[in-house]
Amino acid sequence: MEKEIIDNLKHGRISGRDVVLTGFFSSMQLFGHHHVKEEMKEKADQALAAIEASYLASRMFSRMSAGVLIARALVTSPEMLVLDEPTTALDVVARETCLQLIRQIARQGTTVIIVTHHTEEIVPEINNVILLKEGRVLFNGPQRKSAYFRKFEQSIWPSAAAQYQWKLPYRA
């Protein structure tokens, strides 16, 4: 999907700020009929700053990760943000940065829905969890109050943690 986005965003020849500005128009590039107002530019800069990516404003999209698309999604101050596998293809540092950003967005009051295959990516700010297996709901409820969820996590995590030498993140 990232390649498709880059192709649609003028083959990556669009600045980070302009990528964010496309969020106002629900388009994948800025067209001549789009009237970008000064207020929109300010909001785009604020959205980049909110994800600590102001330095990407003038960088070409082809020279950055797709993380700037989170600023694009936030530029219109949505009530809800749906993230489908947000850490896919990220290195360890970028993955941690992304998860911290998701936590920050949720703490600021935006409802966050994350679709993931990795239970360790369910940050504490996520209140409700739905676990699926083969299209069926195994669990639906509060993340930390369910014995079932803790049992599921404890049964899955030790083998994966041992195999990949992971530590259980975000847990008290």
Protein backbone atom coordinates (compact mmCIF):
# COMPACT_ATOMS: atom_id res chain seq x y z
CA MET A 1 0.00 0.00 0.00
CA GLU A 2 2.84 2.44 0.74
CA LYS A 3 4.03 2.12 -2.88
CA GLU A 4 0.52 2.89 -4.10
CA ILE A 5 0.39 5.96 -1.86
CA ILE A 6 3.78 7.15 -3.11
CA ASP A 7 2.68 6.66 -6.72
CA ASN A 8 -0.49 8.62 -6.05
CA LEU A 9 1.44 11.38 -4.28
CA LYS A 10 3.24 12.42 -7.47
CA HIS A 11 5.69 9.53 -7.22
CA GLY A 12 6.88 10.93 -3.91
CA ARG A 13 7.65 14.37 -5.37
CA ILE A 14 5.50 16.24 -2.88
CA SER A 15 6.62 17.80 0.40
CA GLY A 16 5.65 16.48 3.80
CA ARG A 17 3.61 19.62 4.44
CA ASP A 18 1.73 19.18 1.16
CA VAL A 19 1.03 15.54 2.03
CA VAL A 20 -0.60 16.75 5.24
CA LEU A 21 -2.52 19.44 3.35
CA THR A 22 -4.08 16.77 1.08
CA GLY A 23 -5.95 15.61 4.17
CA PHE A 24 -8.17 18.68 3.94
CA PHE A 25 -9.32 17.64 0.49
CA SER A 26 -9.44 13.85 0.92
CA SER A 27 -7.21 13.55 -2.11
CA MET A 28 -3.83 11.99 -2.74
CA GLN A 29 -2.32 15.17 -4.17
CA LEU A 30 -3.01 18.89 -4.34
CA PHE A 31 -4.82 19.98 -7.49
CA GLY A 32 -5.23 23.45 -8.99
CA HIS A 33 -8.84 23.70 -7.83
CA HIS A 34 -7.81 23.15 -4.20
CA HIS A 35 -7.61 26.47 -2.42
CA VAL A 36 -5.08 26.13 0.38
CA LYS A 37 -5.67 28.84 2.96
CA GLU A 38 -3.10 30.15 5.39
CA GLU A 39 -5.08 28.60 8.26
CA MET A 40 -4.75 25.19 6.59
CA LYS A 41 -0.98 25.62 6.31
CA GLU A 42 -0.84 26.49 10.02
CA LYS A 43 -2.89 23.41 10.92
CA ALA A 44 -0.67 21.24 8.72
CA ASP A 45 2.40 22.56 10.54
CA GLN A 46 0.68 21.94 13.89
CA ALA A 47 -0.18 18.36 12.88
CA LEU A 48 3.45 17.72 11.92
CA ALA A 49 4.59 19.25 15.22
CA ALA A 50 2.10 17.08 17.13
CA ILE A 51 3.84 13.96 15.85
CA GLU A 52 7.27 15.54 16.34
CA ALA A 53 7.87 15.61 12.59
CA SER A 54 8.13 19.33 11.80
CA TYR A 55 11.47 18.61 10.16
CA LEU A 56 9.56 16.70 7.44
CA ALA A 57 7.62 19.76 6.24
CA SER A 58 9.98 20.52 3.36
CA ARG A 59 11.35 17.01 2.80
CA MET A 60 10.08 15.14 -0.24
CA PHE A 61 7.67 12.33 0.54
CA SER A 62 9.81 9.88 -1.43
CA ARG A 63 12.55 10.50 1.16
CA MET A 64 10.51 9.62 4.25
CA SER A 65 8.43 6.82 5.73
CA ALA A 66 4.67 6.85 5.47
CA GLY A 67 4.48 8.02 9.12
CA VAL A 68 3.66 11.53 7.92
CA LEU A 69 0.30 10.11 6.88
CA ILE A 70 -0.67 10.08 10.57
CA ALA A 71 -0.27 13.87 10.57
CA ARG A 72 -2.39 13.92 7.40
CA ALA A 73 -5.10 11.99 9.22
CA LEU A 74 -4.91 14.30 12.25
CA VAL A 75 -4.97 17.61 10.37
CA THR A 76 -8.77 17.79 10.42
CA SER A 77 -8.98 16.92 14.15
CA PRO A 78 -10.95 13.70 13.73
CA GLU A 79 -12.90 12.24 16.63
CA MET A 80 -11.68 8.77 15.66
CA LEU A 81 -8.52 7.40 14.07
CA VAL A 82 -8.52 3.90 12.58
CA LEU A 83 -5.04 2.42 12.14
CA ASP A 84 -4.65 -0.82 10.22
CA GLU A 85 -1.35 -2.53 11.10
CA PRO A 86 0.34 0.83 11.83
CA THR A 87 3.75 -0.64 12.64
CA THR A 88 4.07 -2.92 9.61
CA ALA A 89 7.49 -2.61 7.95
CA LEU A 90 8.85 -0.31 10.66
CA ASP A 91 12.20 -0.93 12.29
CA VAL A 92 12.36 -1.32 16.08
CA VAL A 93 12.95 2.38 16.79
CA ALA A 94 10.27 3.58 14.38
CA ARG A 95 7.84 1.00 15.78
CA GLU A 96 8.35 2.25 19.33
CA THR A 97 8.00 5.86 18.17
CA CYS A 98 4.76 4.97 16.38
CA LEU A 99 3.33 3.24 19.47
CA GLN A 100 4.27 6.21 21.66
CA LEU A 101 2.55 8.51 19.17
CA ILE A 102 -0.59 6.36 19.26
CA ARG A 103 -0.55 6.61 23.06
CA GLN A 104 -0.23 10.39 22.86
CA ILE A 105 -3.10 10.69 20.37
CA ALA A 106 -5.36 8.55 22.57
CA ARG A 107 -4.45 10.54 25.71
CA GLN A 108 -5.46 13.74 23.89
CA GLY A 109 -8.98 12.38 23.53
CA THR A 110 -9.07 10.95 20.01
CA THR A 111 -10.70 7.53 19.86
CA VAL A 112 -8.13 5.12 18.44
CA ILE A 113 -8.96 1.81 16.81
CA ILE A 114 -5.97 -0.39 16.02
CA VAL A 115 -6.11 -3.48 13.84
CA THR A 116 -3.09 -5.64 14.64
CA HIS A 117 -1.85 -9.20 14.84
CA HIS A 118 0.46 -8.33 17.73
CA THR A 119 -1.06 -8.15 21.22
CA GLU A 120 2.07 -6.36 22.47
CA GLU A 121 1.00 -3.37 20.37
CA ILE A 122 -2.17 -2.92 22.41
CA VAL A 123 -1.10 0.16 24.35
CA PRO A 124 -2.58 0.89 27.80
CA GLU A 125 -4.74 3.70 26.44
CA ILE A 126 -6.75 1.16 24.46
CA ASN A 127 -9.72 0.40 26.67
CA ASN A 128 -11.49 -2.36 24.80
CA VAL A 129 -10.06 -5.36 22.96
CA ILE A 130 -11.68 -7.69 20.47
CA LEU A 131 -9.69 -10.85 19.73
CA LEU A 132 -10.61 -12.76 16.59
CA LYS A 133 -9.68 -16.23 15.44
CA GLU A 134 -10.78 -17.50 12.05
CA GLY A 135 -13.40 -14.76 11.86
CA ARG A 136 -14.93 -15.54 15.25
CA VAL A 137 -14.82 -13.38 18.35
CA LEU A 138 -12.77 -15.07 21.08
CA PHE A 139 -12.86 -12.12 23.44
CA ASN A 140 -14.56 -8.73 23.54
CA GLY A 141 -14.11 -6.55 26.58
CA PRO A 142 -11.89 -4.35 28.72
CA GLN A 143 -8.20 -4.91 28.07
CA ARG A 144 -6.92 -5.25 31.63
CA LYS A 145 -9.97 -6.48 33.50
CA SER A 146 -10.45 -9.75 31.76
CA ALA A 147 -8.94 -12.93 33.05
CA TYR A 148 -9.52 -14.40 29.59
CA PHE A 149 -7.45 -11.69 27.88
CA ARG A 150 -4.63 -12.07 30.44
CA LYS A 151 -4.74 -15.85 30.01
CA PHE A 152 -4.65 -15.50 26.21
CA GLU A 153 -1.77 -13.03 26.39
CA GLN A 154 0.18 -15.22 28.82
CA SER A 155 -0.30 -18.31 26.65
CA ILE A 156 0.78 -16.59 23.42
CA TRP A 157 3.48 -14.26 24.66
CA PRO A 158 5.95 -16.52 26.47
CA SER A 159 6.69 -18.63 23.40
CA ALA A 160 6.97 -15.60 21.11
CA ALA A 161 8.97 -13.69 23.71
CA ALA A 162 11.39 -16.58 24.14
CA GLN A 163 11.70 -17.12 20.40
CA TYR A 164 12.40 -13.45 19.61
CA GLN A 165 13.89 -12.41 22.98
CA TRP A 166 11.18 -9.79 23.46
CA LYS A 167 10.10 -8.13 26.67
CA LEU A 168 6.45 -7.57 27.37
CA PRO A 169 5.99 -3.83 26.70
CA TYR A 170 3.62 -1.44 28.41
CA ARG A 171 2.78 -3.76 31.27
CA ALA A 172 2.99 -2.92 34.94
